[in-house]
Amino acid sequence: MFYIISTILISVLLLVIFKLYAKYNVNSLVAIIVNYFVATLTGILFYEGEADLHKIFAADWIFVCVPLGGIFIAVFYLIGLTAQKIGLSTASVANKMSVVIPVLFSIIVLKDQLSWIKSCGILLALIAVYLSTRSGENGSDPEKKKLVWLPALVFLGSGIIDTTINAANSYLVHTTEEKALFSICTFLSAFITGCFIVFYHLIKKISTAKNLFSFKNIIGGIALGIPNYFSIYFIFKSLDANIMNSAQLFPVLNLCNVAISAFLGWLVFREKLSAVNVAGIVLALISIVIIAL
């Protein structure tokens, strides 16, 4: 249970840090790239096994974690684009509703068993996520309707990330050392992909080096990178704990993330919660109890 609680708390901390980016005008793209470099270094510093490069490049999981790193960056960019072009709540809903993908993978491929009560809990969870993040944004805007592919890609990409981690844990990485190396290589791949994005911005003169590599962007990336590494580390540990099967675990993680983040948004950042949002949070808590028990 320690690892599950740690995963939830770190996930919420990451969202709080993203919230502070907006407050202090941190360039989130640069900060997220720096974050992946710091996450890689954090993984290396905490790694206690032997790092044999030949074994790493010969491992089956290397062909998974390298493209996964690219997906990390891509999904982050798409979430930001969705928030800008359509709305923050739409981006959040698409991200969190993606939990249905790893759940279906767990049931169909991993053969995780769910009682009808827990299945109802997962259905309630999806409704809870929608209600908790619903806002008054105008969904009838014809221009926004043309961009429906953006949240669709966020939904798909977020689901692929969770499903890939779940599949890697089940089939490819079996020891603590392998899981640590998998995380390190995934973050390193994301950082390298991010470097290409920065290089493109500089070549196309979308941004200047002075604006990209300002002190606050670097500090923002460092603050994010350390907990980000442990977010993946604790997901692996939570899956290994076998307190819940993966079909239960991912909905619980997402629901707790949504409920706690919404509460902190109201308490700390003075964000308004509508009656619908509050109903969604309450429903999320009920869903957590149903799924976890």
C-alpha atoms as a PDB file:
ATOM      1  CA  MET A   1       0.000   0.000   0.000  1.00  0.00           C
ATOM      2  CA  PHE A   2       2.974   2.303   0.633  1.00  0.00           C
ATOM      3  CA  TYR A   3       3.899   2.233  -3.061  1.00  0.00           C
ATOM      4  CA  ILE A   4       0.330   2.928  -4.201  1.00  0.00           C
ATOM      5  CA  ILE A   5       0.013   5.904  -1.851  1.00  0.00           C
ATOM      6  CA  SER A   6       3.462   7.146  -2.941  1.00  0.00           C
ATOM      7  CA  THR A   7       2.444   6.901  -6.615  1.00  0.00           C
ATOM      8  CA  ILE A   8      -0.703   8.931  -5.956  1.00  0.00           C
ATOM      9  CA  LEU A   9       1.081  11.625  -3.935  1.00  0.00           C
ATOM     10  CA  ILE A  10       3.862  12.020  -6.502  1.00  0.00           C
ATOM     11  CA  SER A  11       1.351  12.228  -9.355  1.00  0.00           C
ATOM     12  CA  VAL A  12      -0.474  15.012  -7.533  1.00  0.00           C
ATOM     13  CA  LEU A  13       2.848  16.756  -6.808  1.00  0.00           C
ATOM     14  CA  LEU A  14       3.656  16.722 -10.535  1.00  0.00           C
ATOM     15  CA  LEU A  15       0.342  18.442 -11.294  1.00  0.00           C
ATOM     16  CA  VAL A  16       1.003  21.063  -8.606  1.00  0.00           C
ATOM     17  CA  ILE A  17       4.408  21.778 -10.165  1.00  0.00           C
ATOM     18  CA  PHE A  18       2.759  22.195 -13.580  1.00  0.00           C
ATOM     19  CA  LYS A  19       0.292  24.580 -11.979  1.00  0.00           C
ATOM     20  CA  LEU A  20       3.188  26.636 -10.583  1.00  0.00           C
ATOM     21  CA  TYR A  21       4.707  26.806 -14.076  1.00  0.00           C
ATOM     22  CA  ALA A  22       1.783  28.963 -15.186  1.00  0.00           C
ATOM     23  CA  LYS A  23       2.046  31.159 -12.099  1.00  0.00           C
ATOM     24  CA  TYR A  24       5.747  31.878 -12.621  1.00  0.00           C
ATOM     25  CA  ASN A  25       5.663  31.958 -16.446  1.00  0.00           C
ATOM     26  CA  VAL A  26       7.911  28.928 -16.840  1.00  0.00           C
ATOM     27  CA  ASN A  27       8.288  27.635 -20.408  1.00  0.00           C
ATOM     28  CA  SER A  28       6.731  24.221 -19.857  1.00  0.00           C
ATOM     29  CA  LEU A  29       8.245  22.674 -22.993  1.00  0.00           C
ATOM     30  CA  VAL A  30      11.815  23.509 -21.949  1.00  0.00           C
ATOM     31  CA  ALA A  31      11.138  22.576 -18.325  1.00  0.00           C
ATOM     32  CA  ILE A  32       9.746  19.184 -19.344  1.00  0.00           C
ATOM     33  CA  ILE A  33      12.843  18.470 -21.465  1.00  0.00           C
ATOM     34  CA  VAL A  34      15.160  19.445 -18.593  1.00  0.00           C
ATOM     35  CA  ASN A  35      12.965  17.302 -16.352  1.00  0.00           C
ATOM     36  CA  TYR A  36      13.684  14.203 -18.434  1.00  0.00           C
ATOM     37  CA  PHE A  37      17.432  14.842 -18.198  1.00  0.00           C
ATOM     38  CA  VAL A  38      17.163  15.236 -14.414  1.00  0.00           C
ATOM     39  CA  ALA A  39      14.946  12.133 -14.170  1.00  0.00           C
ATOM     40  CA  THR A  40      17.614  10.181 -16.069  1.00  0.00           C
ATOM     41  CA  LEU A  41      20.349  11.393 -13.691  1.00  0.00           C
ATOM     42  CA  THR A  42      18.155  10.604 -10.674  1.00  0.00           C
ATOM     43  CA  GLY A  43      17.654   7.075 -11.924  1.00  0.00           C
ATOM     44  CA  ILE A  44      21.395   6.613 -12.459  1.00  0.00           C
ATOM     45  CA  LEU A  45      22.214   7.946  -8.976  1.00  0.00           C
ATOM     46  CA  PHE A  46      19.727   5.594  -7.284  1.00  0.00           C
ATOM     47  CA  TYR A  47      20.605   2.582  -9.443  1.00  0.00           C
ATOM     48  CA  GLU A  48      22.452  -0.031  -7.389  1.00  0.00           C
ATOM     49  CA  GLY A  49      23.059  -2.726  -9.997  1.00  0.00           C
ATOM     50  CA  GLU A  50      25.669  -3.076 -12.702  1.00  0.00           C
ATOM     51  CA  ALA A  51      25.129  -1.123 -15.909  1.00  0.00           C
ATOM     52  CA  ASP A  52      26.372  -3.328 -18.741  1.00  0.00           C
ATOM     53  CA  LEU A  53      25.735  -1.411 -21.965  1.00  0.00           C
ATOM     54  CA  HIS A  54      25.984  -4.560 -24.065  1.00  0.00           C
ATOM     55  CA  LYS A  55      23.231  -6.238 -22.009  1.00  0.00           C
ATOM     56  CA  ILE A  56      21.108  -3.094 -22.098  1.00  0.00           C
ATOM     57  CA  PHE A  57      21.189  -2.838 -25.897  1.00  0.00           C
ATOM     58  CA  ALA A  58      20.632  -6.589 -26.179  1.00  0.00           C
ATOM     59  CA  ALA A  59      17.587  -6.548 -23.886  1.00  0.00           C
ATOM     60  CA  ASP A  60      14.139  -6.977 -25.427  1.00  0.00           C
ATOM     61  CA  TRP A  61      12.721  -4.048 -23.456  1.00  0.00           C
ATOM     62  CA  ILE A  62      15.090  -1.536 -25.096  1.00  0.00           C
ATOM     63  CA  PHE A  63      12.909  -1.668 -28.217  1.00  0.00           C
ATOM     64  CA  VAL A  64       9.948  -0.624 -26.072  1.00  0.00           C
ATOM     65  CA  CYS A  65      11.378   2.083 -23.820  1.00  0.00           C
ATOM     66  CA  VAL A  66      13.078   4.021 -26.651  1.00  0.00           C
ATOM     67  CA  PRO A  67       9.862   4.796 -28.600  1.00  0.00           C
ATOM     68  CA  LEU A  68       8.001   5.144 -25.287  1.00  0.00           C
ATOM     69  CA  GLY A  69      10.231   8.096 -24.438  1.00  0.00           C
ATOM     70  CA  GLY A  70       9.182   9.778 -27.669  1.00  0.00           C
ATOM     71  CA  ILE A  71       5.523   9.140 -26.810  1.00  0.00           C
ATOM     72  CA  PHE A  72       6.065  10.813 -23.406  1.00  0.00           C
ATOM     73  CA  ILE A  73       7.106  14.050 -25.101  1.00  0.00           C
ATOM     74  CA  ALA A  74       4.439  13.804 -27.817  1.00  0.00           C
ATOM     75  CA  VAL A  75       1.581  13.282 -25.365  1.00  0.00           C
ATOM     76  CA  PHE A  76       2.756  16.171 -23.189  1.00  0.00           C
ATOM     77  CA  TYR A  77       2.839  18.434 -26.248  1.00  0.00           C
ATOM     78  CA  LEU A  78      -0.631  17.287 -27.343  1.00  0.00           C
ATOM     79  CA  ILE A  79      -2.074  17.892 -23.867  1.00  0.00           C
ATOM     80  CA  GLY A  80      -0.713  21.433 -23.948  1.00  0.00           C
ATOM     81  CA  LEU A  81      -2.035  22.006 -27.471  1.00  0.00           C
ATOM     82  CA  THR A  82      -5.477  20.661 -26.537  1.00  0.00           C
ATOM     83  CA  ALA A  83      -5.603  22.929 -23.484  1.00  0.00           C
ATOM     84  CA  GLN A  84      -4.689  25.954 -25.625  1.00  0.00           C
ATOM     85  CA  LYS A  85      -6.901  25.257 -28.640  1.00  0.00           C
ATOM     86  CA  ILE A  86      -9.956  23.693 -26.972  1.00  0.00           C
ATOM     87  CA  GLY A  87      -9.730  23.975 -23.198  1.00  0.00           C
ATOM     88  CA  LEU A  88      -8.017  22.679 -20.080  1.00  0.00           C
ATOM     89  CA  SER A  89     -10.931  20.532 -18.962  1.00  0.00           C
ATOM     90  CA  THR A  90     -11.086  18.799 -22.357  1.00  0.00           C
ATOM     91  CA  ALA A  91      -7.379  17.981 -22.137  1.00  0.00           C
ATOM     92  CA  SER A  92      -7.801  16.672 -18.587  1.00  0.00           C
ATOM     93  CA  VAL A  93     -10.823  14.522 -19.450  1.00  0.00           C
ATOM     94  CA  ALA A  94      -9.077  13.001 -22.488  1.00  0.00           C
ATOM     95  CA  ASN A  95      -5.984  12.256 -20.386  1.00  0.00           C
ATOM     96  CA  LYS A  96      -7.807  10.646 -17.465  1.00  0.00           C
ATOM     97  CA  MET A  97     -10.494   8.802 -19.437  1.00  0.00           C
ATOM     98  CA  SER A  98      -7.677   6.964 -21.205  1.00  0.00           C
ATOM     99  CA  VAL A  99      -7.595   4.654 -18.186  1.00  0.00           C
ATOM    100  CA  VAL A 100     -10.105   2.514 -20.084  1.00  0.00           C
ATOM    101  CA  ILE A 101      -7.277   1.367 -22.432  1.00  0.00           C
ATOM    102  CA  PRO A 102      -4.987  -0.240 -19.799  1.00  0.00           C
ATOM    103  CA  VAL A 103      -8.059  -1.658 -18.042  1.00  0.00           C
ATOM    104  CA  LEU A 104      -9.233  -3.398 -21.228  1.00  0.00           C
ATOM    105  CA  PHE A 105      -5.665  -4.623 -21.812  1.00  0.00           C
ATOM    106  CA  SER A 106      -5.563  -6.078 -18.300  1.00  0.00           C
ATOM    107  CA  ILE A 107      -8.884  -7.872 -18.729  1.00  0.00           C
ATOM    108  CA  ILE A 108      -8.458  -9.112 -22.317  1.00  0.00           C
ATOM    109  CA  VAL A 109      -4.713  -9.832 -22.511  1.00  0.00           C
ATOM    110  CA  LEU A 110      -3.563 -10.323 -18.920  1.00  0.00           C
ATOM    111  CA  LYS A 111      -6.813 -12.098 -18.006  1.00  0.00           C
ATOM    112  CA  ASP A 112      -7.333 -10.091 -14.829  1.00  0.00           C
ATOM    113  CA  GLN A 113     -10.632 -11.027 -13.253  1.00  0.00           C
ATOM    114  CA  LEU A 114     -13.184  -8.431 -12.162  1.00  0.00           C
ATOM    115  CA  SER A 115     -16.463  -9.045 -10.387  1.00  0.00           C
ATOM    116  CA  TRP A 116     -19.561  -7.318 -11.718  1.00  0.00           C
ATOM    117  CA  ILE A 117     -19.426  -4.971  -8.709  1.00  0.00           C
ATOM    118  CA  LYS A 118     -15.861  -3.871  -9.527  1.00  0.00           C
ATOM    119  CA  SER A 119     -16.823  -3.517 -13.178  1.00  0.00           C
ATOM    120  CA  CYS A 120     -19.618  -1.174 -12.117  1.00  0.00           C
ATOM    121  CA  GLY A 121     -17.045   0.689 -10.026  1.00  0.00           C
ATOM    122  CA  ILE A 122     -14.867   1.243 -13.095  1.00  0.00           C
ATOM    123  CA  LEU A 123     -17.882   2.492 -15.063  1.00  0.00           C
ATOM    124  CA  LEU A 124     -18.656   4.912 -12.227  1.00  0.00           C
ATOM    125  CA  ALA A 125     -14.983   5.930 -12.289  1.00  0.00           C
ATOM    126  CA  LEU A 126     -15.224   7.064 -15.903  1.00  0.00           C
ATOM    127  CA  ILE A 127     -18.338   9.110 -15.101  1.00  0.00           C
ATOM    128  CA  ALA A 128     -16.572  10.551 -12.040  1.00  0.00           C
ATOM    129  CA  VAL A 129     -13.559  11.652 -14.080  1.00  0.00           C
ATOM    130  CA  TYR A 130     -15.804  13.443 -16.563  1.00  0.00           C
ATOM    131  CA  LEU A 131     -17.863  15.197 -13.889  1.00  0.00           C
ATOM    132  CA  SER A 132     -14.817  16.156 -11.783  1.00  0.00           C
ATOM    133  CA  THR A 133     -13.106  17.901 -14.693  1.00  0.00           C
ATOM    134  CA  ARG A 134     -16.181  19.290 -16.452  1.00  0.00           C
ATOM    135  CA  SER A 135     -16.298  23.041 -16.879  1.00  0.00           C
ATOM    136  CA  GLY A 136     -18.536  25.573 -18.549  1.00  0.00           C
ATOM    137  CA  GLU A 137     -16.436  25.753 -21.683  1.00  0.00           C
ATOM    138  CA  ASN A 138     -18.474  26.127 -24.834  1.00  0.00           C
ATOM    139  CA  GLY A 139     -18.464  22.814 -26.651  1.00  0.00           C
ATOM    140  CA  SER A 140     -20.622  24.108 -29.523  1.00  0.00           C
ATOM    141  CA  ASP A 141     -17.823  26.185 -31.084  1.00  0.00           C
ATOM    142  CA  PRO A 142     -17.522  24.869 -34.683  1.00  0.00           C
ATOM    143  CA  GLU A 143     -13.791  25.659 -34.760  1.00  0.00           C
ATOM    144  CA  LYS A 144     -13.235  23.524 -31.661  1.00  0.00           C
ATOM    145  CA  LYS A 145     -15.239  20.678 -33.165  1.00  0.00           C
ATOM    146  CA  LYS A 146     -12.800  20.588 -36.092  1.00  0.00           C
ATOM    147  CA  LEU A 147      -9.984  19.936 -33.589  1.00  0.00           C
ATOM    148  CA  VAL A 148     -11.599  16.850 -32.077  1.00  0.00           C
ATOM    149  CA  TRP A 149      -8.577  14.850 -33.263  1.00  0.00           C
ATOM    150  CA  LEU A 150      -6.436  16.570 -30.597  1.00  0.00           C
ATOM    151  CA  PRO A 151      -8.184  15.146 -27.502  1.00  0.00           C
ATOM    152  CA  ALA A 152      -8.563  11.858 -29.395  1.00  0.00           C
ATOM    153  CA  LEU A 153      -4.779  11.642 -29.724  1.00  0.00           C
ATOM    154  CA  VAL A 154      -4.326  12.612 -26.049  1.00  0.00           C
ATOM    155  CA  PHE A 155      -6.731   9.814 -25.089  1.00  0.00           C
ATOM    156  CA  LEU A 156      -4.916   7.287 -27.264  1.00  0.00           C
ATOM    157  CA  GLY A 157      -1.393   8.378 -26.312  1.00  0.00           C
ATOM    158  CA  SER A 158      -2.055   8.461 -22.555  1.00  0.00           C
ATOM    159  CA  GLY A 159      -3.644   5.018 -22.752  1.00  0.00           C
ATOM    160  CA  ILE A 160      -0.685   3.657 -24.718  1.00  0.00           C
ATOM    161  CA  ILE A 161       1.757   4.909 -22.057  1.00  0.00           C
ATOM    162  CA  ASP A 162      -0.078   3.208 -19.166  1.00  0.00           C
ATOM    163  CA  THR A 163      -0.666   0.035 -21.182  1.00  0.00           C
ATOM    164  CA  THR A 164       2.978  -0.154 -22.278  1.00  0.00           C
ATOM    165  CA  ILE A 165       4.217   0.171 -18.690  1.00  0.00           C
ATOM    166  CA  ASN A 166       1.731  -2.512 -17.627  1.00  0.00           C
ATOM    167  CA  ALA A 167       2.774  -4.849 -20.470  1.00  0.00           C
ATOM    168  CA  ALA A 168       6.496  -4.258 -19.868  1.00  0.00           C
ATOM    169  CA  ASN A 169       6.039  -5.125 -16.202  1.00  0.00           C
ATOM    170  CA  SER A 170       4.210  -8.344 -17.109  1.00  0.00           C
ATOM    171  CA  TYR A 171       6.375  -9.617 -19.967  1.00  0.00           C
ATOM    172  CA  LEU A 172       9.733  -7.835 -20.293  1.00  0.00           C
ATOM    173  CA  VAL A 173      11.145  -6.474 -17.049  1.00  0.00           C
ATOM    174  CA  HIS A 174      11.262  -8.926 -14.168  1.00  0.00           C
ATOM    175  CA  THR A 175      13.889  -7.703 -11.704  1.00  0.00           C
ATOM    176  CA  THR A 176      14.303  -4.469  -9.773  1.00  0.00           C
ATOM    177  CA  GLU A 177      17.469  -3.729 -11.774  1.00  0.00           C
ATOM    178  CA  GLU A 178      15.686  -4.195 -15.105  1.00  0.00           C
ATOM    179  CA  LYS A 179      12.828  -1.929 -14.064  1.00  0.00           C
ATOM    180  CA  ALA A 180      15.259   0.777 -12.982  1.00  0.00           C
ATOM    181  CA  LEU A 181      17.158   0.534 -16.274  1.00  0.00           C
ATOM    182  CA  PHE A 182      13.886   0.539 -18.236  1.00  0.00           C
ATOM    183  CA  SER A 183      12.861   3.789 -16.514  1.00  0.00           C
ATOM    184  CA  ILE A 184      16.283   5.384 -17.011  1.00  0.00           C
ATOM    185  CA  CYS A 185      16.394   4.525 -20.718  1.00  0.00           C
ATOM    186  CA  THR A 186      12.808   5.717 -21.258  1.00  0.00           C
ATOM    187  CA  PHE A 187      13.558   9.102 -19.695  1.00  0.00           C
ATOM    188  CA  LEU A 188      16.815   9.364 -21.624  1.00  0.00           C
ATOM    189  CA  SER A 189      14.937   8.678 -24.859  1.00  0.00           C
ATOM    190  CA  ALA A 190      12.402  11.386 -23.967  1.00  0.00           C
ATOM    191  CA  PHE A 191      15.237  13.852 -23.278  1.00  0.00           C
ATOM    192  CA  ILE A 192      16.945  13.123 -26.606  1.00  0.00           C
ATOM    193  CA  THR A 193      13.620  13.560 -28.433  1.00  0.00           C
ATOM    194  CA  GLY A 194      13.141  16.837 -26.590  1.00  0.00           C
ATOM    195  CA  CYS A 195      16.579  18.043 -27.695  1.00  0.00           C
ATOM    196  CA  PHE A 196      15.511  17.626 -31.319  1.00  0.00           C
ATOM    197  CA  ILE A 197      12.399  19.713 -30.581  1.00  0.00           C
ATOM    198  CA  VAL A 198      14.497  22.503 -29.045  1.00  0.00           C
ATOM    199  CA  PHE A 199      16.901  22.363 -31.976  1.00  0.00           C
ATOM    200  CA  TYR A 200      13.943  22.730 -34.352  1.00  0.00           C
ATOM    201  CA  HIS A 201      12.672  25.762 -32.399  1.00  0.00           C
ATOM    202  CA  LEU A 202      16.089  27.397 -32.616  1.00  0.00           C
ATOM    203  CA  ILE A 203      16.579  26.658 -36.334  1.00  0.00           C
ATOM    204  CA  LYS A 204      13.096  27.940 -37.222  1.00  0.00           C
ATOM    205  CA  LYS A 205      13.611  30.898 -34.846  1.00  0.00           C
ATOM    206  CA  ILE A 206      10.390  30.053 -33.023  1.00  0.00           C
ATOM    207  CA  SER A 207      12.229  30.878 -29.793  1.00  0.00           C
ATOM    208  CA  THR A 208      15.609  32.296 -28.851  1.00  0.00           C
ATOM    209  CA  ALA A 209      18.240  30.496 -26.798  1.00  0.00           C
ATOM    210  CA  LYS A 210      17.994  33.216 -24.140  1.00  0.00           C
ATOM    211  CA  ASN A 211      14.258  32.643 -23.699  1.00  0.00           C
ATOM    212  CA  LEU A 212      14.503  28.864 -23.822  1.00  0.00           C
ATOM    213  CA  PHE A 213      17.344  28.433 -21.359  1.00  0.00           C
ATOM    214  CA  SER A 214      16.342  30.996 -18.765  1.00  0.00           C
ATOM    215  CA  PHE A 215      17.097  30.226 -15.110  1.00  0.00           C
ATOM    216  CA  LYS A 216      13.461  29.684 -14.118  1.00  0.00           C
ATOM    217  CA  ASN A 217      12.937  27.137 -16.919  1.00  0.00           C
ATOM    218  CA  ILE A 218      15.947  25.133 -15.736  1.00  0.00           C
ATOM    219  CA  ILE A 219      14.845  25.262 -12.082  1.00  0.00           C
ATOM    220  CA  GLY A 220      11.330  24.254 -13.123  1.00  0.00           C
ATOM    221  CA  GLY A 221      12.727  21.215 -14.943  1.00  0.00           C
ATOM    222  CA  ILE A 222      14.857  20.184 -11.967  1.00  0.00           C
ATOM    223  CA  ALA A 223      11.889  20.470  -9.589  1.00  0.00           C
ATOM    224  CA  LEU A 224       9.846  18.216 -11.881  1.00  0.00           C
ATOM    225  CA  GLY A 225      12.527  15.693 -12.825  1.00  0.00           C
ATOM    226  CA  ILE A 226      13.236  14.105  -9.455  1.00  0.00           C
ATOM    227  CA  PRO A 227       9.620  13.209  -8.542  1.00  0.00           C
ATOM    228  CA  ASN A 228       8.927  12.278 -12.166  1.00  0.00           C
ATOM    229  CA  TYR A 229      11.495   9.477 -12.050  1.00  0.00           C
ATOM    230  CA  PHE A 230       9.940   8.072  -8.884  1.00  0.00           C
ATOM    231  CA  SER A 231       6.446   8.287 -10.388  1.00  0.00           C
ATOM    232  CA  ILE A 232       7.389   5.513 -12.828  1.00  0.00           C
ATOM    233  CA  TYR A 233       9.442   3.663 -10.207  1.00  0.00           C
ATOM    234  CA  PHE A 234       6.489   3.521  -7.804  1.00  0.00           C
ATOM    235  CA  ILE A 235       4.055   2.436 -10.538  1.00  0.00           C
ATOM    236  CA  PHE A 236       6.257  -0.623 -11.128  1.00  0.00           C
ATOM    237  CA  LYS A 237       6.409  -1.237  -7.375  1.00  0.00           C
ATOM    238  CA  SER A 238       2.626  -0.847  -7.075  1.00  0.00           C
ATOM    239  CA  LEU A 239       2.068  -3.416  -9.824  1.00  0.00           C
ATOM    240  CA  ASP A 240       4.492  -5.820  -8.114  1.00  0.00           C
ATOM    241  CA  ALA A 241       2.803  -5.419  -4.715  1.00  0.00           C
ATOM    242  CA  ASN A 242      -0.210  -7.452  -5.970  1.00  0.00           C
ATOM    243  CA  ILE A 243      -2.569  -5.645  -3.607  1.00  0.00           C
ATOM    244  CA  MET A 244      -4.749  -4.967  -6.642  1.00  0.00           C
ATOM    245  CA  ASN A 245      -4.599  -6.357 -10.141  1.00  0.00           C
ATOM    246  CA  SER A 246      -3.755  -3.854 -12.850  1.00  0.00           C
ATOM    247  CA  ALA A 247      -7.407  -3.533 -13.954  1.00  0.00           C
ATOM    248  CA  GLN A 248      -8.144  -2.156 -10.471  1.00  0.00           C
ATOM    249  CA  LEU A 249      -4.905  -0.265  -9.895  1.00  0.00           C
ATOM    250  CA  PHE A 250      -4.955   2.171 -12.827  1.00  0.00           C
ATOM    251  CA  PRO A 251      -8.524   3.414 -12.181  1.00  0.00           C
ATOM    252  CA  VAL A 252      -7.719   3.894  -8.472  1.00  0.00           C
ATOM    253  CA  LEU A 253      -4.548   5.847  -9.308  1.00  0.00           C
ATOM    254  CA  ASN A 254      -6.378   8.084 -11.791  1.00  0.00           C
ATOM    255  CA  LEU A 255      -9.367   8.654  -9.536  1.00  0.00           C
ATOM    256  CA  CYS A 256      -7.238   9.598  -6.531  1.00  0.00           C
ATOM    257  CA  ASN A 257      -5.238  11.890  -8.789  1.00  0.00           C
ATOM    258  CA  VAL A 258      -8.381  13.655 -10.013  1.00  0.00           C
ATOM    259  CA  ALA A 259     -10.042  13.925  -6.583  1.00  0.00           C
ATOM    260  CA  ILE A 260      -6.973  15.160  -4.665  1.00  0.00           C
ATOM    261  CA  SER A 261      -5.919  17.539  -7.448  1.00  0.00           C
ATOM    262  CA  ALA A 262      -9.399  19.072  -7.606  1.00  0.00           C
ATOM    263  CA  PHE A 263      -9.438  19.489  -3.828  1.00  0.00           C
ATOM    264  CA  LEU A 264      -5.979  21.099  -3.779  1.00  0.00           C
ATOM    265  CA  GLY A 265      -6.954  23.335  -6.687  1.00  0.00           C
ATOM    266  CA  TRP A 266      -9.871  24.608  -4.625  1.00  0.00           C
ATOM    267  CA  LEU A 267      -7.961  24.845  -1.330  1.00  0.00           C
ATOM    268  CA  VAL A 268      -4.583  26.208  -2.476  1.00  0.00           C
ATOM    269  CA  PHE A 269      -5.138  27.810  -5.871  1.00  0.00           C
ATOM    270  CA  ARG A 270      -8.673  29.064  -5.198  1.00  0.00           C
ATOM    271  CA  GLU A 271     -10.099  27.300  -8.224  1.00  0.00           C
ATOM    272  CA  LYS A 272     -13.890  27.214  -8.339  1.00  0.00           C
ATOM    273  CA  LEU A 273     -15.695  23.899  -8.059  1.00  0.00           C
ATOM    274  CA  SER A 274     -19.211  23.650  -9.424  1.00  0.00           C
ATOM    275  CA  ALA A 275     -21.846  21.390  -7.901  1.00  0.00           C
ATOM    276  CA  VAL A 276     -21.182  18.990 -10.802  1.00  0.00           C
ATOM    277  CA  ASN A 277     -17.446  18.937  -9.972  1.00  0.00           C
ATOM    278  CA  VAL A 278     -18.165  18.203  -6.303  1.00  0.00           C
ATOM    279  CA  ALA A 279     -20.562  15.424  -7.316  1.00  0.00           C
ATOM    280  CA  GLY A 280     -17.812  13.988  -9.511  1.00  0.00           C
ATOM    281  CA  ILE A 281     -15.312  14.011  -6.633  1.00  0.00           C
ATOM    282  CA  VAL A 282     -17.791  12.287  -4.312  1.00  0.00           C
ATOM    283  CA  LEU A 283     -18.540   9.714  -7.021  1.00  0.00           C
ATOM    284  CA  ALA A 284     -14.794   9.221  -7.484  1.00  0.00           C
ATOM    285  CA  LEU A 285     -14.378   8.417  -3.786  1.00  0.00           C
ATOM    286  CA  ILE A 286     -17.251   5.928  -3.945  1.00  0.00           C
ATOM    287  CA  SER A 287     -15.718   4.343  -7.056  1.00  0.00           C
ATOM    288  CA  ILE A 288     -12.333   3.984  -5.322  1.00  0.00           C
ATOM    289  CA  VAL A 289     -13.943   2.092  -2.439  1.00  0.00           C
ATOM    290  CA  ILE A 290     -15.859  -0.205  -4.817  1.00  0.00           C
ATOM    291  CA  ILE A 291     -12.824  -0.973  -7.003  1.00  0.00           C
ATOM    292  CA  ALA A 292     -10.280  -1.355  -4.191  1.00  0.00           C
ATOM    293  CA  LEU A 293     -12.285  -3.585  -1.856  1.00  0.00           C
END
